[in-house]
Amino acid sequence: MQYITTYHSPLGPMLLAADNLGLTGAWFQGEKFYAHSLDPVHETGETPALSAARAWLDIYFSGREPDFTPPLHMTGTPFQMEVWALLRQIPYGRTTTYGQIASQIAQARGLPRMSAQAVGGAVGHNEISVIVPCHRVIGANNSLTGYAGGLDKKSALLKLEGAYPWKAEK
């Protein structure tokens, strides 16, 4: 069973969803894949993961880096899970590119190259906005590109973290 609650962020309402294992979704209202993985049967309620996610978001939107991660229960293809794990490694206040993530995956798999577009597809289907920081991925030419929540939100999140102008991952 999934439980949902609304979080009122400075950038607009977010729908949070969790099951008994962890947070399954965090979507800005109106984003491209809004509630895509939400079970048809769900209830408004409270779980430890939802409480932890709200606490994390409160810290984050106050302009500080949270020192914990709420329990997550992400589901996706093995490739998506690999990309999402790399997203969680991008430091607060830093950015990386789709191509750099593709290179990391190619190197880990012993391949000569990996498609940045394939990485972009996986990044775009991240169900846990902000907490799994897909907003920290920018285009190869330092362009703001590809954020399901909208480029205005991506820009605002990066500015909040002090990553504007873009600061590359170290």
N, C-alpha and C. Protein backbone atom coordinates (compact mmCIF):
# COMPACT_ATOMS: atom_id res chain seq x y z
N MET A 1 0.85 -1.18 0.00
CA MET A 1 0.00 0.00 0.00
C MET A 1 0.88 1.23 0.00
N GLN A 2 0.53 2.20 -0.82
CA GLN A 2 1.22 3.48 -0.82
C GLN A 2 0.37 4.49 -0.07
N TYR A 3 1.10 5.39 0.59
CA TYR A 3 0.48 6.49 1.32
C TYR A 3 1.00 7.77 0.71
N ILE A 4 0.16 8.80 0.68
CA ILE A 4 0.54 10.07 0.08
C ILE A 4 0.30 11.22 1.05
N THR A 5 1.02 12.29 0.79
CA THR A 5 0.82 13.54 1.50
C THR A 5 1.28 14.66 0.56
N THR A 6 0.87 15.87 0.84
CA THR A 6 1.32 17.02 0.07
C THR A 6 2.33 17.80 0.89
N TYR A 7 3.41 18.18 0.23
CA TYR A 7 4.43 19.05 0.84
C TYR A 7 4.35 20.39 0.13
N HIS A 8 4.27 21.46 0.91
CA HIS A 8 4.16 22.80 0.32
C HIS A 8 5.55 23.43 0.27
N SER A 9 6.22 23.26 -0.88
CA SER A 9 7.57 23.81 -1.06
C SER A 9 7.48 25.25 -1.52
N PRO A 10 8.58 26.00 -1.41
CA PRO A 10 8.60 27.36 -1.93
C PRO A 10 8.41 27.43 -3.45
N LEU A 11 8.59 26.29 -4.13
CA LEU A 11 8.43 26.24 -5.58
C LEU A 11 7.09 25.67 -6.01
N GLY A 12 6.22 25.44 -5.03
CA GLY A 12 4.89 24.91 -5.33
C GLY A 12 4.67 23.57 -4.65
N PRO A 13 3.43 23.11 -4.70
CA PRO A 13 3.10 21.86 -4.02
C PRO A 13 3.83 20.65 -4.61
N MET A 14 4.19 19.74 -3.73
CA MET A 14 4.80 18.48 -4.14
C MET A 14 3.97 17.34 -3.55
N LEU A 15 3.72 16.34 -4.35
CA LEU A 15 3.07 15.14 -3.88
C LEU A 15 4.16 14.15 -3.47
N LEU A 16 4.09 13.68 -2.23
CA LEU A 16 5.03 12.68 -1.73
C LEU A 16 4.28 11.36 -1.59
N ALA A 17 4.93 10.26 -1.96
CA ALA A 17 4.34 8.93 -1.83
C ALA A 17 5.37 8.00 -1.21
N ALA A 18 4.87 7.06 -0.40
CA ALA A 18 5.76 6.09 0.24
C ALA A 18 4.99 4.81 0.48
N ASP A 19 5.75 3.72 0.55
CA ASP A 19 5.18 2.45 0.99
C ASP A 19 5.88 2.07 2.29
N ASN A 20 5.74 0.83 2.71
CA ASN A 20 6.34 0.44 3.98
C ASN A 20 7.86 0.32 3.92
N LEU A 21 8.46 0.39 2.71
CA LEU A 21 9.91 0.30 2.58
C LEU A 21 10.59 1.66 2.48
N GLY A 22 9.89 2.65 1.94
CA GLY A 22 10.51 3.96 1.78
C GLY A 22 9.75 4.84 0.82
N LEU A 23 10.33 6.01 0.56
CA LEU A 23 9.75 7.00 -0.33
C LEU A 23 9.73 6.44 -1.76
N THR A 24 8.59 6.49 -2.41
CA THR A 24 8.46 5.98 -3.78
C THR A 24 8.29 7.10 -4.80
N GLY A 25 7.96 8.29 -4.35
CA GLY A 25 7.78 9.39 -5.28
C GLY A 25 7.78 10.74 -4.58
N ALA A 26 8.24 11.73 -5.31
CA ALA A 26 8.20 13.14 -4.89
C ALA A 26 8.12 13.95 -6.17
N TRP A 27 6.94 14.47 -6.44
CA TRP A 27 6.70 15.15 -7.71
C TRP A 27 6.19 16.56 -7.46
N PHE A 28 6.70 17.51 -8.27
CA PHE A 28 6.12 18.84 -8.29
C PHE A 28 4.79 18.75 -9.03
N GLN A 29 3.81 19.45 -8.52
CA GLN A 29 2.50 19.46 -9.18
C GLN A 29 2.67 19.90 -10.63
N GLY A 30 2.12 19.11 -11.55
CA GLY A 30 2.15 19.45 -12.96
C GLY A 30 3.39 19.01 -13.70
N GLU A 31 4.34 18.33 -13.04
CA GLU A 31 5.53 17.93 -13.77
C GLU A 31 5.22 16.85 -14.78
N LYS A 32 6.13 16.62 -15.69
CA LYS A 32 5.91 15.77 -16.86
C LYS A 32 5.41 14.37 -16.51
N PHE A 33 6.01 13.70 -15.57
CA PHE A 33 5.61 12.33 -15.22
C PHE A 33 4.96 12.30 -13.84
N TYR A 34 4.11 13.29 -13.59
CA TYR A 34 3.47 13.46 -12.29
C TYR A 34 2.77 12.19 -11.84
N ALA A 35 3.17 11.68 -10.68
CA ALA A 35 2.56 10.52 -10.03
C ALA A 35 2.54 9.29 -10.94
N HIS A 36 3.50 9.20 -11.84
CA HIS A 36 3.57 8.11 -12.81
C HIS A 36 3.60 6.74 -12.14
N SER A 37 4.30 6.60 -11.03
CA SER A 37 4.43 5.30 -10.37
C SER A 37 3.48 5.13 -9.19
N LEU A 38 2.57 6.07 -9.00
CA LEU A 38 1.65 5.98 -7.88
C LEU A 38 0.66 4.85 -8.10
N ASP A 39 0.54 3.97 -7.12
CA ASP A 39 -0.45 2.88 -7.20
C ASP A 39 -1.84 3.46 -7.32
N PRO A 40 -2.69 2.84 -8.14
CA PRO A 40 -4.08 3.30 -8.23
C PRO A 40 -4.79 3.24 -6.87
N VAL A 41 -4.40 2.27 -6.05
CA VAL A 41 -4.98 2.15 -4.71
C VAL A 41 -3.96 2.71 -3.72
N HIS A 42 -4.27 3.87 -3.17
CA HIS A 42 -3.39 4.52 -2.19
C HIS A 42 -4.26 5.32 -1.23
N GLU A 43 -3.65 5.73 -0.14
CA GLU A 43 -4.38 6.49 0.88
C GLU A 43 -3.56 7.68 1.32
N THR A 44 -4.26 8.72 1.74
CA THR A 44 -3.57 9.81 2.42
C THR A 44 -3.22 9.28 3.80
N GLY A 45 -1.99 9.48 4.20
CA GLY A 45 -1.58 8.94 5.49
C GLY A 45 -0.18 9.37 5.86
N GLU A 46 0.34 8.73 6.87
CA GLU A 46 1.65 9.07 7.40
C GLU A 46 2.48 7.80 7.52
N THR A 47 3.73 7.90 7.14
CA THR A 47 4.69 6.82 7.32
C THR A 47 5.99 7.44 7.80
N PRO A 48 6.88 6.64 8.37
CA PRO A 48 8.19 7.18 8.74
C PRO A 48 8.93 7.79 7.54
N ALA A 49 8.80 7.18 6.36
CA ALA A 49 9.48 7.71 5.18
C ALA A 49 8.92 9.07 4.77
N LEU A 50 7.61 9.24 4.87
CA LEU A 50 7.02 10.54 4.54
C LEU A 50 7.44 11.61 5.54
N SER A 51 7.47 11.27 6.81
CA SER A 51 7.94 12.22 7.83
C SER A 51 9.39 12.61 7.59
N ALA A 52 10.21 11.62 7.27
CA ALA A 52 11.64 11.89 7.01
C ALA A 52 11.81 12.74 5.75
N ALA A 53 11.00 12.47 4.73
CA ALA A 53 11.09 13.26 3.49
C ALA A 53 10.71 14.72 3.74
N ARG A 54 9.64 14.94 4.50
CA ARG A 54 9.24 16.32 4.83
C ARG A 54 10.34 17.02 5.62
N ALA A 55 10.94 16.34 6.58
CA ALA A 55 12.03 16.94 7.37
C ALA A 55 13.21 17.27 6.45
N TRP A 56 13.54 16.35 5.55
CA TRP A 56 14.65 16.58 4.61
C TRP A 56 14.35 17.80 3.75
N LEU A 57 13.14 17.87 3.20
CA LEU A 57 12.77 19.00 2.34
C LEU A 57 12.74 20.32 3.12
N ASP A 58 12.32 20.30 4.37
CA ASP A 58 12.35 21.52 5.19
C ASP A 58 13.78 22.04 5.32
N ILE A 59 14.71 21.15 5.60
CA ILE A 59 16.12 21.55 5.72
C ILE A 59 16.62 22.07 4.38
N TYR A 60 16.37 21.31 3.33
CA TYR A 60 16.85 21.67 1.99
C TYR A 60 16.33 23.05 1.57
N PHE A 61 15.03 23.26 1.69
CA PHE A 61 14.46 24.53 1.24
C PHE A 61 14.81 25.69 2.16
N SER A 62 15.39 25.42 3.33
CA SER A 62 15.89 26.50 4.18
C SER A 62 17.27 26.96 3.72
N GLY A 63 17.81 26.28 2.69
CA GLY A 63 19.10 26.67 2.13
C GLY A 63 20.28 25.91 2.71
N ARG A 64 19.99 24.83 3.44
CA ARG A 64 21.07 24.03 4.02
C ARG A 64 21.07 22.63 3.40
N GLU A 65 22.23 22.00 3.45
CA GLU A 65 22.35 20.64 2.94
C GLU A 65 21.92 19.65 4.02
N PRO A 66 20.92 18.84 3.77
CA PRO A 66 20.51 17.84 4.76
C PRO A 66 21.64 16.82 4.99
N ASP A 67 21.76 16.35 6.23
CA ASP A 67 22.84 15.40 6.56
C ASP A 67 22.33 13.96 6.65
N PHE A 68 21.18 13.71 6.04
CA PHE A 68 20.62 12.36 6.01
C PHE A 68 19.80 12.23 4.73
N THR A 69 19.47 11.01 4.38
CA THR A 69 18.58 10.75 3.26
C THR A 69 17.41 9.94 3.78
N PRO A 70 16.20 10.34 3.45
CA PRO A 70 15.06 9.53 3.88
C PRO A 70 15.14 8.14 3.24
N PRO A 71 14.51 7.16 3.84
CA PRO A 71 14.52 5.84 3.21
C PRO A 71 13.84 5.92 1.84
N LEU A 72 14.49 5.33 0.84
CA LEU A 72 13.99 5.37 -0.52
C LEU A 72 13.60 3.96 -0.97
N HIS A 73 12.57 3.87 -1.78
CA HIS A 73 12.18 2.61 -2.40
C HIS A 73 11.91 2.88 -3.88
N MET A 74 13.01 2.95 -4.62
CA MET A 74 12.92 3.26 -6.05
C MET A 74 12.78 1.96 -6.83
N THR A 75 11.97 2.01 -7.87
CA THR A 75 11.83 0.85 -8.75
C THR A 75 12.04 1.32 -10.18
N GLY A 76 12.74 0.52 -10.94
CA GLY A 76 13.00 0.85 -12.34
C GLY A 76 13.81 -0.26 -12.96
N THR A 77 14.21 -0.02 -14.19
CA THR A 77 15.05 -1.00 -14.88
C THR A 77 16.44 -1.00 -14.24
N PRO A 78 17.22 -2.04 -14.48
CA PRO A 78 18.60 -2.03 -13.95
C PRO A 78 19.39 -0.80 -14.42
N PHE A 79 19.20 -0.38 -15.67
CA PHE A 79 19.90 0.81 -16.17
C PHE A 79 19.44 2.06 -15.43
N GLN A 80 18.13 2.21 -15.25
CA GLN A 80 17.63 3.37 -14.51
C GLN A 80 18.20 3.38 -13.10
N MET A 81 18.19 2.25 -12.44
CA MET A 81 18.70 2.17 -11.06
C MET A 81 20.17 2.58 -11.02
N GLU A 82 20.94 2.18 -12.03
CA GLU A 82 22.36 2.54 -12.11
C GLU A 82 22.53 4.05 -12.25
N VAL A 83 21.73 4.65 -13.13
CA VAL A 83 21.79 6.10 -13.32
C VAL A 83 21.36 6.81 -12.05
N TRP A 84 20.27 6.38 -11.43
CA TRP A 84 19.77 7.04 -10.23
C TRP A 84 20.77 6.94 -9.08
N ALA A 85 21.49 5.83 -9.00
CA ALA A 85 22.53 5.71 -7.97
C ALA A 85 23.62 6.75 -8.19
N LEU A 86 23.97 7.00 -9.45
CA LEU A 86 24.98 8.02 -9.75
C LEU A 86 24.45 9.43 -9.44
N LEU A 87 23.16 9.65 -9.66
CA LEU A 87 22.58 10.96 -9.32
C LEU A 87 22.78 11.25 -7.83
N ARG A 88 22.58 10.24 -7.00
CA ARG A 88 22.70 10.43 -5.55
C ARG A 88 24.13 10.73 -5.12
N GLN A 89 25.09 10.52 -6.01
CA GLN A 89 26.49 10.81 -5.69
C GLN A 89 26.93 12.21 -6.09
N ILE A 90 26.08 12.94 -6.80
CA ILE A 90 26.44 14.31 -7.20
C ILE A 90 26.36 15.19 -5.95
N PRO A 91 27.46 15.82 -5.58
CA PRO A 91 27.46 16.61 -4.35
C PRO A 91 26.50 17.80 -4.40
N TYR A 92 25.98 18.13 -3.25
CA TYR A 92 25.14 19.33 -3.06
C TYR A 92 25.92 20.53 -3.59
N GLY A 93 25.25 21.37 -4.36
CA GLY A 93 25.88 22.59 -4.86
C GLY A 93 26.80 22.37 -6.05
N ARG A 94 26.77 21.19 -6.65
CA ARG A 94 27.61 20.87 -7.81
C ARG A 94 26.73 20.35 -8.94
N THR A 95 27.26 20.39 -10.15
CA THR A 95 26.55 19.86 -11.30
C THR A 95 27.43 18.88 -12.05
N THR A 96 26.80 18.09 -12.89
CA THR A 96 27.49 17.21 -13.82
C THR A 96 26.68 17.21 -15.10
N THR A 97 27.18 16.56 -16.13
CA THR A 97 26.46 16.51 -17.40
C THR A 97 25.97 15.10 -17.68
N TYR A 98 25.01 15.01 -18.60
CA TYR A 98 24.52 13.71 -19.03
C TYR A 98 25.68 12.89 -19.61
N GLY A 99 26.55 13.55 -20.37
CA GLY A 99 27.71 12.88 -20.96
C GLY A 99 28.67 12.34 -19.93
N GLN A 100 28.88 13.10 -18.84
CA GLN A 100 29.79 12.62 -17.79
C GLN A 100 29.21 11.39 -17.10
N ILE A 101 27.91 11.36 -16.88
CA ILE A 101 27.28 10.18 -16.28
C ILE A 101 27.40 9.00 -17.25
N ALA A 102 27.17 9.25 -18.55
CA ALA A 102 27.30 8.19 -19.55
C ALA A 102 28.72 7.63 -19.56
N SER A 103 29.71 8.50 -19.44
CA SER A 103 31.11 8.04 -19.39
C SER A 103 31.38 7.18 -18.17
N GLN A 104 30.81 7.57 -17.01
CA GLN A 104 30.99 6.78 -15.79
C GLN A 104 30.40 5.37 -15.97
N ILE A 105 29.23 5.30 -16.56
CA ILE A 105 28.58 4.00 -16.76
C ILE A 105 29.38 3.17 -17.76
N ALA A 106 29.81 3.79 -18.85
CA ALA A 106 30.61 3.07 -19.86
C ALA A 106 31.88 2.51 -19.23
N GLN A 107 32.55 3.33 -18.44
CA GLN A 107 33.78 2.88 -17.80
C GLN A 107 33.51 1.72 -16.85
N ALA A 108 32.45 1.82 -16.05
CA ALA A 108 32.11 0.76 -15.10
C ALA A 108 31.77 -0.54 -15.82
N ARG A 109 31.20 -0.44 -17.01
CA ARG A 109 30.80 -1.62 -17.78
C ARG A 109 31.88 -2.10 -18.75
N GLY A 110 32.99 -1.36 -18.81
CA GLY A 110 34.06 -1.73 -19.74
C GLY A 110 33.71 -1.48 -21.20
N LEU A 111 32.87 -0.48 -21.43
CA LEU A 111 32.44 -0.14 -22.78
C LEU A 111 33.19 1.08 -23.28
N PRO A 112 33.36 1.22 -24.60
CA PRO A 112 34.04 2.41 -25.11
C PRO A 112 33.23 3.68 -24.93
N ARG A 113 31.89 3.55 -24.95
CA ARG A 113 31.05 4.73 -24.76
C ARG A 113 29.64 4.30 -24.39
N MET A 114 28.87 5.26 -23.92
CA MET A 114 27.47 5.05 -23.55
C MET A 114 26.71 6.27 -24.04
N SER A 115 25.47 6.10 -24.40
CA SER A 115 24.66 7.18 -24.94
C SER A 115 24.22 8.16 -23.85
N ALA A 116 24.56 9.43 -24.05
CA ALA A 116 24.10 10.48 -23.13
C ALA A 116 22.58 10.61 -23.22
N GLN A 117 22.00 10.32 -24.39
CA GLN A 117 20.55 10.40 -24.54
C GLN A 117 19.87 9.32 -23.70
N ALA A 118 20.45 8.12 -23.65
CA ALA A 118 19.89 7.05 -22.82
C ALA A 118 19.94 7.47 -21.35
N VAL A 119 21.04 8.09 -20.95
CA VAL A 119 21.15 8.59 -19.58
C VAL A 119 20.07 9.64 -19.34
N GLY A 120 19.87 10.52 -20.30
CA GLY A 120 18.84 11.56 -20.17
C GLY A 120 17.46 10.97 -19.98
N GLY A 121 17.17 9.89 -20.68
CA GLY A 121 15.88 9.23 -20.52
C GLY A 121 15.69 8.69 -19.11
N ALA A 122 16.75 8.09 -18.58
CA ALA A 122 16.67 7.55 -17.21
C ALA A 122 16.57 8.68 -16.19
N VAL A 123 17.36 9.73 -16.38
CA VAL A 123 17.31 10.89 -15.47
C VAL A 123 15.90 11.48 -15.47
N GLY A 124 15.30 11.60 -16.65
CA GLY A 124 13.98 12.20 -16.78
C GLY A 124 12.87 11.39 -16.13
N HIS A 125 13.11 10.09 -15.91
CA HIS A 125 12.10 9.24 -15.29
C HIS A 125 12.35 9.03 -13.80
N ASN A 126 13.25 9.80 -13.23
CA ASN A 126 13.47 9.76 -11.78
C ASN A 126 12.17 10.19 -11.10
N GLU A 127 11.65 9.33 -10.23
CA GLU A 127 10.37 9.60 -9.57
C GLU A 127 10.51 10.42 -8.28
N ILE A 128 11.75 10.62 -7.82
CA ILE A 128 11.92 11.28 -6.52
C ILE A 128 12.68 12.59 -6.71
N SER A 129 11.92 13.61 -7.15
CA SER A 129 12.50 14.92 -7.42
C SER A 129 13.18 15.49 -6.18
N VAL A 130 14.20 16.27 -6.41
CA VAL A 130 14.96 17.03 -5.43
C VAL A 130 15.82 16.11 -4.56
N ILE A 131 15.22 15.13 -3.89
CA ILE A 131 15.97 14.25 -2.98
C ILE A 131 16.95 13.39 -3.77
N VAL A 132 16.52 12.86 -4.90
CA VAL A 132 17.42 12.22 -5.86
C VAL A 132 17.67 13.30 -6.90
N PRO A 133 18.84 13.95 -6.83
CA PRO A 133 19.04 15.27 -7.45
C PRO A 133 19.26 15.28 -8.95
N CYS A 134 18.24 14.94 -9.71
CA CYS A 134 18.34 15.00 -11.16
C CYS A 134 18.49 16.44 -11.65
N HIS A 135 18.10 17.41 -10.81
CA HIS A 135 18.24 18.82 -11.19
C HIS A 135 19.70 19.24 -11.30
N ARG A 136 20.62 18.44 -10.77
CA ARG A 136 22.05 18.76 -10.83
C ARG A 136 22.71 18.33 -12.14
N VAL A 137 21.94 17.77 -13.06
CA VAL A 137 22.48 17.33 -14.35
C VAL A 137 22.13 18.39 -15.40
N ILE A 138 23.16 18.89 -16.07
CA ILE A 138 23.00 19.95 -17.07
C ILE A 138 23.52 19.45 -18.41
N GLY A 139 23.26 20.22 -19.46
CA GLY A 139 23.71 19.87 -20.80
C GLY A 139 25.21 20.05 -20.96
N ALA A 140 25.74 19.42 -22.01
CA ALA A 140 27.19 19.45 -22.28
C ALA A 140 27.71 20.87 -22.45
N ASN A 141 26.89 21.76 -22.97
CA ASN A 141 27.31 23.15 -23.18
C ASN A 141 26.89 24.04 -22.02
N ASN A 142 26.73 23.42 -20.84
CA ASN A 142 26.30 24.12 -19.61
C ASN A 142 24.90 24.71 -19.73
N SER A 143 24.08 24.11 -20.59
CA SER A 143 22.71 24.60 -20.72
C SER A 143 21.81 23.91 -19.70
N LEU A 144 20.79 24.64 -19.30
CA LEU A 144 19.75 24.04 -18.47
C LEU A 144 18.84 23.27 -19.42
N THR A 145 18.79 22.00 -19.23
CA THR A 145 17.98 21.19 -20.13
C THR A 145 17.42 20.00 -19.38
N GLY A 146 16.29 19.54 -19.82
CA GLY A 146 15.75 18.27 -19.37
C GLY A 146 15.37 18.14 -17.91
N TYR A 147 14.41 18.90 -17.43
CA TYR A 147 13.93 18.70 -16.07
C TYR A 147 12.42 18.56 -16.11
N ALA A 148 11.91 17.39 -15.69
CA ALA A 148 10.48 17.11 -15.77
C ALA A 148 9.65 18.12 -14.97
N GLY A 149 10.22 18.69 -13.92
CA GLY A 149 9.50 19.67 -13.11
C GLY A 149 9.46 21.05 -13.71
N GLY A 150 10.22 21.28 -14.78
CA GLY A 150 10.27 22.57 -15.44
C GLY A 150 11.61 23.24 -15.20
N LEU A 151 12.09 23.92 -16.23
CA LEU A 151 13.41 24.55 -16.13
C LEU A 151 13.44 25.67 -15.10
N ASP A 152 12.29 26.32 -14.84
CA ASP A 152 12.26 27.35 -13.81
C ASP A 152 12.57 26.74 -12.44
N LYS A 153 12.05 25.56 -12.18
CA LYS A 153 12.32 24.90 -10.90
C LYS A 153 13.76 24.41 -10.84
N LYS A 154 14.26 23.86 -11.94
CA LYS A 154 15.65 23.39 -11.99
C LYS A 154 16.60 24.55 -11.67
N SER A 155 16.38 25.67 -12.31
CA SER A 155 17.20 26.85 -12.08
C SER A 155 17.12 27.31 -10.62
N ALA A 156 15.91 27.34 -10.08
CA ALA A 156 15.73 27.78 -8.69
C ALA A 156 16.42 26.83 -7.71
N LEU A 157 16.35 25.53 -7.98
CA LEU A 157 17.01 24.56 -7.09
C LEU A 157 18.52 24.72 -7.12
N LEU A 158 19.08 24.91 -8.31
CA LEU A 158 20.53 25.09 -8.42
C LEU A 158 20.97 26.41 -7.78
N LYS A 159 20.18 27.46 -7.91
CA LYS A 159 20.50 28.73 -7.26
C LYS A 159 20.44 28.57 -5.74
N LEU A 160 19.43 27.85 -5.24
CA LEU A 160 19.30 27.61 -3.81
C LEU A 160 20.55 26.92 -3.26
N GLU A 161 21.11 26.00 -4.04
CA GLU A 161 22.30 25.25 -3.62
C GLU A 161 23.60 26.03 -3.84
N GLY A 162 23.52 27.19 -4.45
CA GLY A 162 24.72 27.96 -4.74
C GLY A 162 25.48 27.42 -5.94
N ALA A 163 24.80 26.69 -6.80
CA ALA A 163 25.43 26.10 -7.98
C ALA A 163 25.18 26.95 -9.23
N TYR A 164 24.96 28.24 -9.03
CA TYR A 164 24.73 29.14 -10.15
C TYR A 164 25.71 30.30 -10.05
N PRO A 165 26.53 30.57 -11.04
CA PRO A 165 26.64 29.76 -12.26
C PRO A 165 27.13 28.35 -11.95
N TRP A 166 26.88 27.45 -12.86
CA TRP A 166 27.06 26.02 -12.64
C TRP A 166 28.45 25.68 -12.14
N LYS A 167 28.48 24.90 -11.10
CA LYS A 167 29.75 24.44 -10.51
C LYS A 167 29.86 22.95 -10.77
N ALA A 168 30.88 22.57 -11.50
CA ALA A 168 31.04 21.16 -11.89
C ALA A 168 31.39 20.29 -10.70
N GLU A 169 30.98 19.02 -10.81
CA GLU A 169 31.28 18.03 -9.77
C GLU A 169 32.79 17.88 -9.66
N LYS A 170 33.25 17.72 -8.43
CA LYS A 170 34.69 17.52 -8.22
C LYS A 170 34.98 16.09 -7.89
